[in-house]
N, C-alpha and C. Protein backbone atom coordinates (compact mmCIF):
# COMPACT_ATOMS: atom_id res chain seq x y z
N UNK A 1 0.83 -1.19 0.00
CA UNK A 1 0.00 0.00 0.00
C UNK A 1 0.87 1.24 0.00
N UNK A 2 0.25 2.36 -0.36
CA UNK A 2 1.03 3.59 -0.56
C UNK A 2 1.73 4.04 0.70
N UNK A 3 1.10 3.85 1.87
CA UNK A 3 1.69 4.42 3.07
C UNK A 3 3.00 3.75 3.45
N UNK A 4 3.25 2.51 2.95
CA UNK A 4 4.51 1.84 3.26
C UNK A 4 5.69 2.53 2.59
N UNK A 5 5.44 3.31 1.56
CA UNK A 5 6.52 4.03 0.86
C UNK A 5 7.24 4.97 1.82
N UNK A 6 6.52 5.54 2.74
CA UNK A 6 7.10 6.56 3.61
C UNK A 6 8.17 6.01 4.54
N UNK A 7 8.30 4.70 4.64
CA UNK A 7 9.31 4.12 5.51
C UNK A 7 10.71 4.54 5.09
N UNK A 8 10.97 4.61 3.80
CA UNK A 8 12.30 4.98 3.31
C UNK A 8 12.63 6.43 3.65
N UNK A 9 11.66 7.31 3.47
CA UNK A 9 11.88 8.73 3.78
C UNK A 9 12.07 8.92 5.28
N UNK A 10 11.29 8.21 6.07
CA UNK A 10 11.42 8.32 7.52
C UNK A 10 12.79 7.86 7.99
N UNK A 11 13.35 6.86 7.33
CA UNK A 11 14.67 6.36 7.70
C UNK A 11 15.75 7.43 7.50
N UNK A 12 15.59 8.28 6.49
CA UNK A 12 16.55 9.37 6.28
C UNK A 12 16.57 10.31 7.48
N UNK A 13 15.40 10.61 8.02
CA UNK A 13 15.32 11.49 9.19
C UNK A 13 15.95 10.82 10.41
N UNK A 14 15.74 9.53 10.54
CA UNK A 14 16.34 8.80 11.66
C UNK A 14 17.86 8.82 11.59
N UNK A 15 18.39 8.79 10.37
CA UNK A 15 19.84 8.86 10.21
C UNK A 15 20.39 10.17 10.78
N UNK A 16 19.67 11.26 10.57
CA UNK A 16 20.11 12.55 11.12
C UNK A 16 20.16 12.52 12.63
N UNK A 17 19.17 11.90 13.24
CA UNK A 17 19.09 11.86 14.70
C UNK A 17 20.21 11.01 15.30
N UNK A 18 20.66 10.02 14.54
CA UNK A 18 21.70 9.12 15.07
C UNK A 18 23.10 9.68 14.89
N UNK A 19 23.24 10.80 14.20
CA UNK A 19 24.56 11.34 13.87
C UNK A 19 24.94 12.49 14.79
N UNK A 20 26.24 12.56 15.14
CA UNK A 20 26.72 13.67 15.95
C UNK A 20 26.78 14.97 15.14
N UNK A 21 27.14 14.86 13.88
CA UNK A 21 27.16 16.04 12.98
C UNK A 21 26.17 15.78 11.85
N UNK A 22 26.62 15.17 10.79
CA UNK A 22 25.71 14.70 9.74
C UNK A 22 26.13 13.29 9.35
N UNK A 23 25.20 12.43 8.97
CA UNK A 23 25.57 11.10 8.48
C UNK A 23 26.11 11.20 7.06
N UNK A 24 26.72 10.14 6.58
CA UNK A 24 27.20 10.12 5.20
C UNK A 24 26.02 10.34 4.27
N UNK A 25 26.23 11.20 3.27
CA UNK A 25 25.16 11.54 2.33
C UNK A 25 24.61 10.27 1.70
N UNK A 26 23.33 10.05 1.90
CA UNK A 26 22.69 8.81 1.46
C UNK A 26 22.06 8.99 0.08
N UNK A 27 22.90 8.96 -0.94
CA UNK A 27 22.40 9.16 -2.31
C UNK A 27 21.45 8.04 -2.72
N UNK A 28 21.79 6.83 -2.34
CA UNK A 28 20.94 5.70 -2.69
C UNK A 28 19.56 5.83 -2.06
N UNK A 29 19.52 6.23 -0.78
CA UNK A 29 18.25 6.40 -0.10
C UNK A 29 17.42 7.53 -0.69
N UNK A 30 18.08 8.63 -1.04
CA UNK A 30 17.37 9.77 -1.64
C UNK A 30 16.78 9.38 -2.99
N UNK A 31 17.57 8.70 -3.81
CA UNK A 31 17.07 8.28 -5.12
C UNK A 31 15.92 7.30 -5.00
N UNK A 32 15.99 6.44 -3.97
CA UNK A 32 14.90 5.48 -3.77
C UNK A 32 13.60 6.20 -3.42
N UNK A 33 13.70 7.23 -2.58
CA UNK A 33 12.51 8.00 -2.22
C UNK A 33 11.97 8.76 -3.43
N UNK A 34 12.86 9.34 -4.23
CA UNK A 34 12.42 10.06 -5.43
C UNK A 34 11.71 9.11 -6.40
N UNK A 35 12.24 7.91 -6.54
CA UNK A 35 11.59 6.92 -7.41
C UNK A 35 10.21 6.57 -6.88
N UNK A 36 10.12 6.44 -5.57
CA UNK A 36 8.83 6.10 -4.96
C UNK A 36 7.82 7.23 -5.13
N UNK A 37 8.32 8.47 -5.05
CA UNK A 37 7.44 9.61 -5.28
C UNK A 37 6.91 9.63 -6.71
N UNK A 38 7.79 9.28 -7.66
CA UNK A 38 7.35 9.19 -9.06
C UNK A 38 6.27 8.13 -9.22
N UNK A 39 6.49 6.97 -8.58
CA UNK A 39 5.51 5.88 -8.67
C UNK A 39 4.19 6.30 -8.03
N UNK A 40 4.28 6.99 -6.90
CA UNK A 40 3.07 7.43 -6.22
C UNK A 40 2.30 8.43 -7.07
N UNK A 41 3.01 9.35 -7.71
CA UNK A 41 2.35 10.33 -8.57
C UNK A 41 1.67 9.65 -9.75
N UNK A 42 2.30 8.63 -10.32
CA UNK A 42 1.67 7.89 -11.42
C UNK A 42 0.37 7.22 -10.95
N UNK A 43 0.40 6.70 -9.74
CA UNK A 43 -0.80 6.08 -9.19
C UNK A 43 -1.90 7.12 -8.96
N UNK A 44 -1.51 8.29 -8.52
CA UNK A 44 -2.48 9.37 -8.31
C UNK A 44 -3.15 9.74 -9.63
N UNK A 45 -2.35 9.85 -10.68
CA UNK A 45 -2.90 10.16 -12.00
C UNK A 45 -3.85 9.06 -12.46
N UNK A 46 -3.45 7.81 -12.24
CA UNK A 46 -4.32 6.68 -12.63
C UNK A 46 -5.64 6.72 -11.86
N UNK A 47 -5.59 7.12 -10.59
CA UNK A 47 -6.81 7.19 -9.79
C UNK A 47 -7.75 8.26 -10.34
N UNK A 48 -7.18 9.42 -10.68
CA UNK A 48 -8.01 10.49 -11.25
C UNK A 48 -8.65 10.04 -12.57
N UNK A 49 -7.88 9.35 -13.39
CA UNK A 49 -8.42 8.85 -14.66
C UNK A 49 -9.57 7.88 -14.40
N UNK A 50 -9.37 6.99 -13.42
CA UNK A 50 -10.42 6.04 -13.08
C UNK A 50 -11.67 6.72 -12.57
N UNK A 51 -11.50 7.76 -11.77
CA UNK A 51 -12.66 8.50 -11.25
C UNK A 51 -13.42 9.19 -12.38
N UNK A 52 -12.68 9.75 -13.33
CA UNK A 52 -13.34 10.43 -14.46
C UNK A 52 -14.11 9.44 -15.31
N UNK A 53 -13.56 8.25 -15.48
CA UNK A 53 -14.25 7.24 -16.27
C UNK A 53 -15.55 6.82 -15.60
N UNK A 54 -15.49 6.65 -14.26
CA UNK A 54 -16.69 6.24 -13.54
C UNK A 54 -17.74 7.34 -13.57
N UNK A 55 -17.34 8.57 -13.29
CA UNK A 55 -18.32 9.67 -13.26
C UNK A 55 -18.90 9.93 -14.65
N UNK A 56 -18.09 9.69 -15.71
CA UNK A 56 -18.59 9.91 -17.06
C UNK A 56 -19.64 8.89 -17.47
N UNK A 57 -19.59 7.73 -16.84
CA UNK A 57 -20.54 6.67 -17.17
C UNK A 57 -21.75 6.67 -16.26
N UNK A 58 -21.80 7.53 -15.27
CA UNK A 58 -22.86 7.49 -14.26
C UNK A 58 -24.19 8.00 -14.80
N UNK A 59 -25.18 7.16 -14.83
CA UNK A 59 -26.53 7.64 -15.17
C UNK A 59 -27.17 8.26 -13.95
N UNK A 60 -28.11 9.13 -14.17
CA UNK A 60 -28.83 9.74 -13.07
C UNK A 60 -30.22 9.12 -12.97
N UNK A 61 -30.71 8.96 -11.74
CA UNK A 61 -32.05 8.44 -11.51
C UNK A 61 -33.07 9.54 -11.78
N UNK A 62 -34.31 9.21 -11.68
CA UNK A 62 -35.36 10.20 -11.94
C UNK A 62 -35.27 11.38 -11.00
N UNK A 63 -34.77 11.12 -9.78
CA UNK A 63 -34.63 12.21 -8.81
C UNK A 63 -33.33 13.00 -9.03
N UNK A 64 -32.54 12.61 -10.03
CA UNK A 64 -31.30 13.33 -10.28
C UNK A 64 -30.17 12.92 -9.36
N UNK A 65 -30.32 11.79 -8.67
CA UNK A 65 -29.30 11.33 -7.74
C UNK A 65 -28.36 10.36 -8.45
N UNK A 66 -27.09 10.40 -8.09
CA UNK A 66 -26.09 9.52 -8.67
C UNK A 66 -26.34 8.11 -8.17
N UNK A 67 -26.16 7.16 -9.03
CA UNK A 67 -26.35 5.76 -8.67
C UNK A 67 -25.56 5.44 -7.42
N UNK A 68 -26.20 4.83 -6.41
CA UNK A 68 -25.59 4.61 -5.10
C UNK A 68 -24.36 3.71 -5.20
N UNK A 69 -24.41 2.71 -6.04
CA UNK A 69 -23.27 1.79 -6.17
C UNK A 69 -22.04 2.50 -6.69
N UNK A 70 -22.23 3.33 -7.71
CA UNK A 70 -21.09 4.04 -8.27
C UNK A 70 -20.62 5.16 -7.35
N UNK A 71 -21.52 5.68 -6.55
CA UNK A 71 -21.12 6.67 -5.55
C UNK A 71 -20.17 6.05 -4.54
N UNK A 72 -20.43 4.80 -4.21
CA UNK A 72 -19.54 4.09 -3.29
C UNK A 72 -18.17 3.86 -3.93
N UNK A 73 -18.16 3.61 -5.24
CA UNK A 73 -16.90 3.44 -5.95
C UNK A 73 -16.06 4.72 -5.89
N UNK A 74 -16.74 5.85 -6.12
CA UNK A 74 -16.05 7.15 -6.04
C UNK A 74 -15.51 7.39 -4.64
N UNK A 75 -16.29 7.02 -3.63
CA UNK A 75 -15.85 7.19 -2.25
C UNK A 75 -14.58 6.37 -1.99
N UNK A 76 -14.55 5.16 -2.55
CA UNK A 76 -13.35 4.34 -2.40
C UNK A 76 -12.15 4.95 -3.09
N UNK A 77 -12.38 5.50 -4.30
CA UNK A 77 -11.32 6.19 -5.02
C UNK A 77 -10.76 7.34 -4.18
N UNK A 78 -11.65 8.12 -3.55
CA UNK A 78 -11.22 9.27 -2.75
C UNK A 78 -10.36 8.84 -1.57
N UNK A 79 -10.73 7.73 -0.96
CA UNK A 79 -9.95 7.24 0.18
C UNK A 79 -8.54 6.85 -0.26
N UNK A 80 -8.46 6.09 -1.35
CA UNK A 80 -7.14 5.68 -1.86
C UNK A 80 -6.34 6.90 -2.31
N UNK A 81 -7.03 7.86 -2.91
CA UNK A 81 -6.36 9.08 -3.37
C UNK A 81 -5.75 9.85 -2.20
N UNK A 82 -6.48 9.96 -1.11
CA UNK A 82 -5.98 10.66 0.07
C UNK A 82 -4.75 9.97 0.64
N UNK A 83 -4.76 8.64 0.65
CA UNK A 83 -3.62 7.89 1.17
C UNK A 83 -2.37 8.18 0.34
N UNK A 84 -2.53 8.16 -0.98
CA UNK A 84 -1.38 8.40 -1.85
C UNK A 84 -0.91 9.86 -1.77
N UNK A 85 -1.84 10.79 -1.66
CA UNK A 85 -1.45 12.19 -1.48
C UNK A 85 -0.63 12.37 -0.20
N UNK A 86 -1.10 11.78 0.88
CA UNK A 86 -0.38 11.89 2.16
C UNK A 86 1.01 11.28 2.06
N UNK A 87 1.10 10.13 1.38
CA UNK A 87 2.40 9.47 1.22
C UNK A 87 3.36 10.35 0.41
N UNK A 88 2.85 10.94 -0.67
CA UNK A 88 3.69 11.78 -1.53
C UNK A 88 4.22 12.99 -0.78
N UNK A 89 3.36 13.70 -0.07
CA UNK A 89 3.79 14.93 0.61
C UNK A 89 4.61 14.62 1.86
N UNK A 90 4.39 13.46 2.47
CA UNK A 90 5.25 13.05 3.59
C UNK A 90 6.67 12.84 3.09
N UNK A 91 6.82 12.13 1.97
CA UNK A 91 8.15 11.90 1.42
C UNK A 91 8.81 13.22 1.03
N UNK A 92 8.04 14.13 0.44
CA UNK A 92 8.58 15.43 0.04
C UNK A 92 9.09 16.20 1.25
N UNK A 93 8.30 16.24 2.32
CA UNK A 93 8.71 16.97 3.52
C UNK A 93 9.95 16.36 4.15
N UNK A 94 10.03 15.03 4.16
CA UNK A 94 11.20 14.36 4.74
C UNK A 94 12.46 14.67 3.94
N UNK A 95 12.36 14.63 2.62
CA UNK A 95 13.53 14.94 1.79
C UNK A 95 14.01 16.38 2.00
N UNK A 96 13.06 17.32 2.02
CA UNK A 96 13.44 18.72 2.22
C UNK A 96 14.04 18.93 3.62
N UNK A 97 13.47 18.28 4.62
CA UNK A 97 14.00 18.40 5.98
C UNK A 97 15.40 17.81 6.07
N UNK A 98 15.63 16.68 5.39
CA UNK A 98 16.94 16.03 5.37
C UNK A 98 18.00 16.95 4.78
N UNK A 99 17.68 17.54 3.64
CA UNK A 99 18.64 18.41 2.96
C UNK A 99 18.85 19.72 3.71
N UNK A 100 17.77 20.29 4.24
CA UNK A 100 17.89 21.56 4.97
C UNK A 100 18.72 21.38 6.23
N UNK A 101 18.49 20.30 6.95
CA UNK A 101 19.25 20.04 8.18
C UNK A 101 20.75 19.93 7.87
N UNK A 102 21.07 19.22 6.82
CA UNK A 102 22.48 19.05 6.45
C UNK A 102 23.13 20.38 6.07
N UNK A 103 22.42 21.20 5.30
CA UNK A 103 22.98 22.50 4.91
C UNK A 103 23.18 23.39 6.13
N UNK A 104 22.27 23.31 7.09
CA UNK A 104 22.44 24.08 8.31
C UNK A 104 23.68 23.67 9.08
N UNK A 105 23.93 22.37 9.15
CA UNK A 105 25.13 21.87 9.83
C UNK A 105 26.40 22.29 9.09
N UNK A 106 26.33 22.32 7.77
CA UNK A 106 27.49 22.73 6.98
C UNK A 106 27.79 24.22 7.21
N UNK A 107 26.75 25.04 7.29
CA UNK A 107 26.96 26.48 7.59
C UNK A 107 27.58 26.63 8.98
N UNK A 108 27.07 25.89 9.94
CA UNK A 108 27.61 25.96 11.31
C UNK A 108 29.09 25.59 11.33
N UNK A 109 29.44 24.60 10.52
CA UNK A 109 30.84 24.15 10.47
C UNK A 109 31.75 25.30 10.05
N UNK A 110 31.29 26.07 9.07
CA UNK A 110 32.12 27.20 8.60
C UNK A 110 32.34 28.20 9.72
N UNK A 111 31.32 28.49 10.51
CA UNK A 111 31.44 29.47 11.58
C UNK A 111 32.28 28.93 12.73
N UNK A 112 32.17 27.67 13.01
CA UNK A 112 32.80 27.11 14.20
C UNK A 112 34.23 26.62 13.96
N UNK A 113 34.52 26.13 12.74
CA UNK A 113 35.80 25.47 12.51
C UNK A 113 36.61 26.08 11.38
N UNK A 114 36.12 27.12 10.78
CA UNK A 114 36.91 27.80 9.76
C UNK A 114 36.56 27.40 8.34
N UNK A 115 37.42 27.82 7.41
CA UNK A 115 37.11 27.68 5.99
C UNK A 115 37.69 26.45 5.33
N UNK A 116 38.20 25.52 6.12
CA UNK A 116 38.76 24.28 5.58
C UNK A 116 37.96 23.09 6.08
N UNK A 117 37.42 22.33 5.14
CA UNK A 117 36.72 21.10 5.49
C UNK A 117 37.75 20.00 5.72
N UNK A 118 37.66 19.33 6.84
CA UNK A 118 38.56 18.21 7.10
C UNK A 118 38.23 17.06 6.15
N UNK A 119 39.18 16.13 6.01
CA UNK A 119 38.95 14.96 5.16
C UNK A 119 37.76 14.15 5.67
N UNK A 120 37.65 14.04 6.99
CA UNK A 120 36.53 13.29 7.56
C UNK A 120 35.20 13.95 7.22
N UNK A 121 35.16 15.28 7.30
CA UNK A 121 33.93 16.00 6.98
C UNK A 121 33.57 15.84 5.51
N UNK A 122 34.57 15.97 4.64
CA UNK A 122 34.31 15.84 3.21
C UNK A 122 33.79 14.46 2.84
N UNK A 123 34.26 13.44 3.55
CA UNK A 123 33.84 12.07 3.24
C UNK A 123 32.36 11.85 3.52
N UNK A 124 31.74 12.74 4.31
CA UNK A 124 30.33 12.61 4.66
C UNK A 124 29.42 13.40 3.74
N UNK A 125 30.00 14.27 2.91
CA UNK A 125 29.21 15.19 2.11
C UNK A 125 29.15 14.78 0.64
N UNK A 126 28.10 15.24 -0.03
CA UNK A 126 28.01 15.06 -1.48
C UNK A 126 28.85 16.14 -2.16
N UNK A 127 29.09 15.97 -3.47
CA UNK A 127 29.83 16.99 -4.22
C UNK A 127 29.09 18.33 -4.16
N UNK A 128 27.77 18.28 -4.26
CA UNK A 128 26.99 19.50 -4.20
C UNK A 128 27.10 20.20 -2.86
N UNK A 129 27.16 19.42 -1.79
CA UNK A 129 27.29 20.02 -0.46
C UNK A 129 28.67 20.63 -0.25
N UNK A 130 29.69 20.00 -0.80
CA UNK A 130 31.04 20.56 -0.72
C UNK A 130 31.09 21.89 -1.48
N UNK A 131 30.46 21.92 -2.64
CA UNK A 131 30.40 23.17 -3.42
C UNK A 131 29.62 24.23 -2.65
N UNK A 132 28.55 23.83 -1.97
CA UNK A 132 27.78 24.78 -1.15
C UNK A 132 28.66 25.38 -0.07
N UNK A 133 29.46 24.54 0.61
CA UNK A 133 30.36 25.04 1.65
C UNK A 133 31.34 26.05 1.07
N UNK A 134 31.90 25.74 -0.09
CA UNK A 134 32.89 26.62 -0.71
C UNK A 134 32.27 27.96 -1.11
N UNK A 135 31.08 27.92 -1.68
CA UNK A 135 30.41 29.16 -2.09
C UNK A 135 29.98 29.97 -0.86
N UNK A 136 29.52 29.28 0.17
CA UNK A 136 29.14 29.98 1.40
C UNK A 136 30.36 30.64 2.02
N UNK A 137 31.48 29.93 2.01
CA UNK A 137 32.72 30.50 2.54
C UNK A 137 33.14 31.72 1.72
N UNK A 138 33.00 31.63 0.40
CA UNK A 138 33.36 32.78 -0.45
C UNK A 138 32.52 34.00 -0.10
N UNK A 139 31.21 33.79 0.09
CA UNK A 139 30.32 34.91 0.42
C UNK A 139 30.66 35.50 1.78
N UNK A 140 30.87 34.63 2.76
CA UNK A 140 31.16 35.10 4.12
C UNK A 140 32.51 35.81 4.16
N UNK A 141 33.50 35.23 3.53
CA UNK A 141 34.84 35.83 3.52
C UNK A 141 34.83 37.18 2.81
N UNK A 142 34.09 37.24 1.69
CA UNK A 142 34.00 38.49 0.94
C UNK A 142 33.33 39.58 1.78
N UNK A 143 32.27 39.20 2.48
CA UNK A 143 31.58 40.19 3.33
C UNK A 143 32.47 40.68 4.45
N UNK A 144 33.19 39.77 5.10
CA UNK A 144 34.05 40.17 6.21
C UNK A 144 35.20 41.06 5.71
N UNK A 145 35.68 40.76 4.51
CA UNK A 145 36.75 41.57 3.95
C UNK A 145 36.27 42.99 3.65
N UNK A 146 35.06 43.11 3.10
CA UNK A 146 34.52 44.42 2.77
C UNK A 146 34.18 45.21 4.04
N UNK A 147 33.66 44.53 5.05
CA UNK A 147 33.25 45.22 6.26
C UNK A 147 34.41 45.50 7.21
N UNK A 148 35.48 44.72 7.05
CA UNK A 148 36.63 44.92 7.94
C UNK A 148 36.47 44.24 9.28
N UNK A 149 35.47 43.34 9.41
CA UNK A 149 35.24 42.64 10.67
C UNK A 149 35.34 41.14 10.46
N UNK A 150 36.02 40.47 11.38
CA UNK A 150 36.05 39.01 11.37
C UNK A 150 34.90 38.51 12.24
N UNK A 151 33.80 38.17 11.61
CA UNK A 151 32.60 37.78 12.34
C UNK A 151 32.74 36.44 13.04
N UNK A 152 33.76 35.66 12.65
CA UNK A 152 33.93 34.34 13.26
C UNK A 152 34.86 34.37 14.46
N UNK A 153 35.39 35.53 14.79
CA UNK A 153 36.28 35.64 15.95
C UNK A 153 35.46 35.89 17.20
N UNK A 154 36.17 36.09 18.32
CA UNK A 154 35.52 36.36 19.61
C UNK A 154 34.54 35.26 20.00
N UNK A 155 35.06 34.03 20.02
CA UNK A 155 34.25 32.91 20.46
C UNK A 155 33.95 33.01 21.95
N UNK A 156 34.79 33.77 22.65
CA UNK A 156 34.62 33.98 24.08
C UNK A 156 34.52 35.49 24.34
N UNK A 157 34.07 35.89 25.50
CA UNK A 157 33.95 37.32 25.81
C UNK A 157 35.28 38.05 25.59
N UNK A 158 35.23 39.31 25.16
CA UNK A 158 36.43 40.07 24.84
C UNK A 158 37.46 40.13 25.95
N UNK A 159 37.02 40.03 27.23
CA UNK A 159 37.99 40.14 28.32
C UNK A 159 38.85 38.88 28.45
N UNK A 160 38.50 37.82 27.74
CA UNK A 160 39.26 36.58 27.82
C UNK A 160 40.42 36.63 26.84
N UNK A 161 41.52 37.23 27.26
CA UNK A 161 42.65 37.40 26.35
C UNK A 161 43.50 36.15 26.23
N UNK A 162 43.59 35.36 27.29
CA UNK A 162 44.43 34.17 27.29
C UNK A 162 43.59 32.95 27.67
N UNK A 163 43.96 31.81 27.10
CA UNK A 163 43.26 30.57 27.40
C UNK A 163 44.27 29.45 27.62
N UNK A 164 43.86 28.52 28.44
CA UNK A 164 44.66 27.31 28.64
C UNK A 164 44.08 26.24 27.73
N UNK A 165 44.91 25.70 26.87
CA UNK A 165 44.43 24.74 25.87
C UNK A 165 45.25 23.47 25.90
N UNK A 166 44.65 22.39 25.43
CA UNK A 166 45.35 21.12 25.27
C UNK A 166 45.26 20.72 23.80
N UNK A 167 46.34 20.25 23.22
CA UNK A 167 46.36 19.84 21.82
C UNK A 167 45.72 18.47 21.68
N UNK A 168 44.76 18.36 20.81
CA UNK A 168 44.08 17.09 20.57
C UNK A 168 44.76 16.26 19.49
N UNK A 169 45.77 16.85 18.84
CA UNK A 169 46.51 16.17 17.78
C UNK A 169 47.87 16.83 17.63
N UNK A 170 48.75 16.20 16.89
CA UNK A 170 50.06 16.79 16.63
C UNK A 170 49.91 17.88 15.56
N UNK A 171 50.00 19.11 15.99
CA UNK A 171 49.86 20.24 15.08
C UNK A 171 51.22 20.66 14.51
N UNK A 172 52.24 20.56 15.35
CA UNK A 172 53.56 21.02 14.94
C UNK A 172 53.84 22.40 15.48
N UNK A 173 54.81 23.05 14.92
CA UNK A 173 55.23 24.36 15.42
C UNK A 173 54.43 25.48 14.74
N UNK A 174 53.96 26.40 15.56
CA UNK A 174 53.27 27.58 15.05
C UNK A 174 54.01 28.82 15.57
N UNK A 175 53.86 29.91 14.85
CA UNK A 175 54.50 31.15 15.25
C UNK A 175 53.46 32.09 15.86
N UNK A 176 53.78 32.66 16.99
CA UNK A 176 52.93 33.64 17.65
C UNK A 176 53.79 34.89 17.90
N UNK A 177 53.17 36.02 18.24
CA UNK A 177 53.95 37.23 18.54
C UNK A 177 54.94 37.01 19.67
N UNK A 178 54.69 36.01 20.51
CA UNK A 178 55.59 35.73 21.63
C UNK A 178 56.67 34.74 21.27
N UNK A 179 56.60 34.20 20.05
CA UNK A 179 57.60 33.22 19.64
C UNK A 179 56.97 31.94 19.13
N UNK A 180 57.83 30.95 18.86
CA UNK A 180 57.37 29.67 18.33
C UNK A 180 56.81 28.80 19.44
N UNK A 181 55.75 28.05 19.12
CA UNK A 181 55.15 27.13 20.08
C UNK A 181 54.97 25.79 19.37
N UNK A 182 55.45 24.72 20.00
CA UNK A 182 55.32 23.39 19.43
C UNK A 182 54.10 22.70 20.04
N UNK A 183 53.11 22.46 19.23
CA UNK A 183 51.85 21.88 19.70
C UNK A 183 51.83 20.37 19.44
N UNK A 184 52.27 19.61 20.44
CA UNK A 184 52.23 18.16 20.35
C UNK A 184 50.95 17.64 21.00
N UNK A 185 50.51 16.50 20.55
CA UNK A 185 49.28 15.92 21.08
C UNK A 185 49.37 15.77 22.60
N UNK A 186 48.29 16.20 23.28
CA UNK A 186 48.13 16.13 24.74
C UNK A 186 48.99 17.16 25.50
N UNK A 187 49.74 18.00 24.76
CA UNK A 187 50.50 19.04 25.45
C UNK A 187 49.57 20.19 25.83
N UNK A 188 49.89 20.85 26.94
CA UNK A 188 49.06 21.93 27.47
C UNK A 188 49.80 23.26 27.33
N UNK A 189 49.07 24.28 26.92
CA UNK A 189 49.69 25.58 26.68
C UNK A 189 48.79 26.70 27.19
N UNK A 190 49.40 27.82 27.49
CA UNK A 190 48.70 29.02 27.93
C UNK A 190 49.00 30.10 26.92
N UNK A 191 48.01 30.41 26.06
CA UNK A 191 48.28 31.26 24.91
C UNK A 191 47.22 32.34 24.74
N UNK A 192 47.60 33.38 23.99
CA UNK A 192 46.64 34.42 23.67
C UNK A 192 45.58 33.84 22.73
N UNK A 193 44.33 34.08 23.08
CA UNK A 193 43.22 33.50 22.33
C UNK A 193 43.26 33.86 20.86
N UNK A 194 43.55 35.12 20.56
CA UNK A 194 43.52 35.56 19.16
C UNK A 194 44.57 34.86 18.30
N UNK A 195 45.64 34.33 18.94
CA UNK A 195 46.70 33.67 18.18
C UNK A 195 46.34 32.25 17.77
N UNK A 196 45.45 31.63 18.53
CA UNK A 196 45.20 30.20 18.27
C UNK A 196 43.71 29.88 18.12
N UNK A 197 42.89 30.92 17.97
CA UNK A 197 41.45 30.69 17.89
C UNK A 197 41.07 29.84 16.68
N UNK A 198 41.79 30.00 15.57
CA UNK A 198 41.47 29.20 14.38
C UNK A 198 41.72 27.72 14.62
N UNK A 199 42.72 27.40 15.48
CA UNK A 199 43.00 26.00 15.79
C UNK A 199 41.93 25.42 16.71
N UNK A 200 41.35 26.27 17.54
CA UNK A 200 40.25 25.82 18.40
C UNK A 200 39.04 25.48 17.54
N UNK A 201 38.75 26.35 16.58
CA UNK A 201 37.61 26.12 15.70
C UNK A 201 37.78 24.83 14.89
N UNK A 202 39.03 24.54 14.51
CA UNK A 202 39.30 23.34 13.71
C UNK A 202 39.33 22.08 14.55
N UNK A 203 39.32 22.25 15.88
CA UNK A 203 39.33 21.08 16.76
C UNK A 203 40.72 20.59 17.11
N UNK A 204 41.77 21.28 16.64
CA UNK A 204 43.14 20.87 16.92
C UNK A 204 43.53 21.18 18.37
N UNK A 205 42.88 22.20 18.95
CA UNK A 205 43.09 22.58 20.35
C UNK A 205 41.76 22.57 21.08
N UNK A 206 41.81 22.22 22.34
CA UNK A 206 40.62 22.21 23.17
C UNK A 206 40.86 23.11 24.38
N UNK A 207 39.91 23.99 24.64
CA UNK A 207 40.06 24.95 25.74
C UNK A 207 39.85 24.25 27.07
N UNK A 208 40.81 24.43 27.96
CA UNK A 208 40.68 23.89 29.31
C UNK A 208 40.22 24.96 30.30
N UNK A 209 40.75 26.17 30.11
CA UNK A 209 40.45 27.24 31.06
C UNK A 209 40.55 28.58 30.37
N UNK A 210 39.59 29.45 30.63
CA UNK A 210 39.59 30.81 30.08
C UNK A 210 39.91 31.78 31.20
N UNK A 211 40.84 32.70 30.95
CA UNK A 211 41.20 33.70 31.97
C UNK A 211 40.91 35.11 31.47
């Protein structure tokens, strides 16, 4: 029956709930739902054709009333039609929600972790989503350049000039106004926030204490 089609679309939403960020782009699942929507629409068209055929053949009684038997047939058609309509629009809403949620997470990534997608992040995205990230980054970077403000800075209140951080990975040596700092995995450092904020956004450093 038509309502069983919605199981595939519902599964896409469940994938989002099970993921910490976004699940791997499910192209196969999306195509399956689109195919099902096409099939459902064909059935809807067939139902309308069937209804027109029945109504076109309906004789009227002396009182001008539609034959009761054929009226029941039309009622059955309407019920099936409503089921298929509900299935079609449920699948449509699930697909749009799936895509919108993912794009929202991709935008958040740009604000929180900077303009470079990690290999792990890219492996979860479609080519179109990667292009979306790049174009969104271009727009945001262009706006910040024109305005003269880095809107992605100041993750913490302005009075927090220094932070205690721990390296979550081997970053290597970086240069700061105070000199070179070697960021080895699990090493702890006390640094000016503005010097290493981009590494915090990328997840290479984790804040332990803000001063």
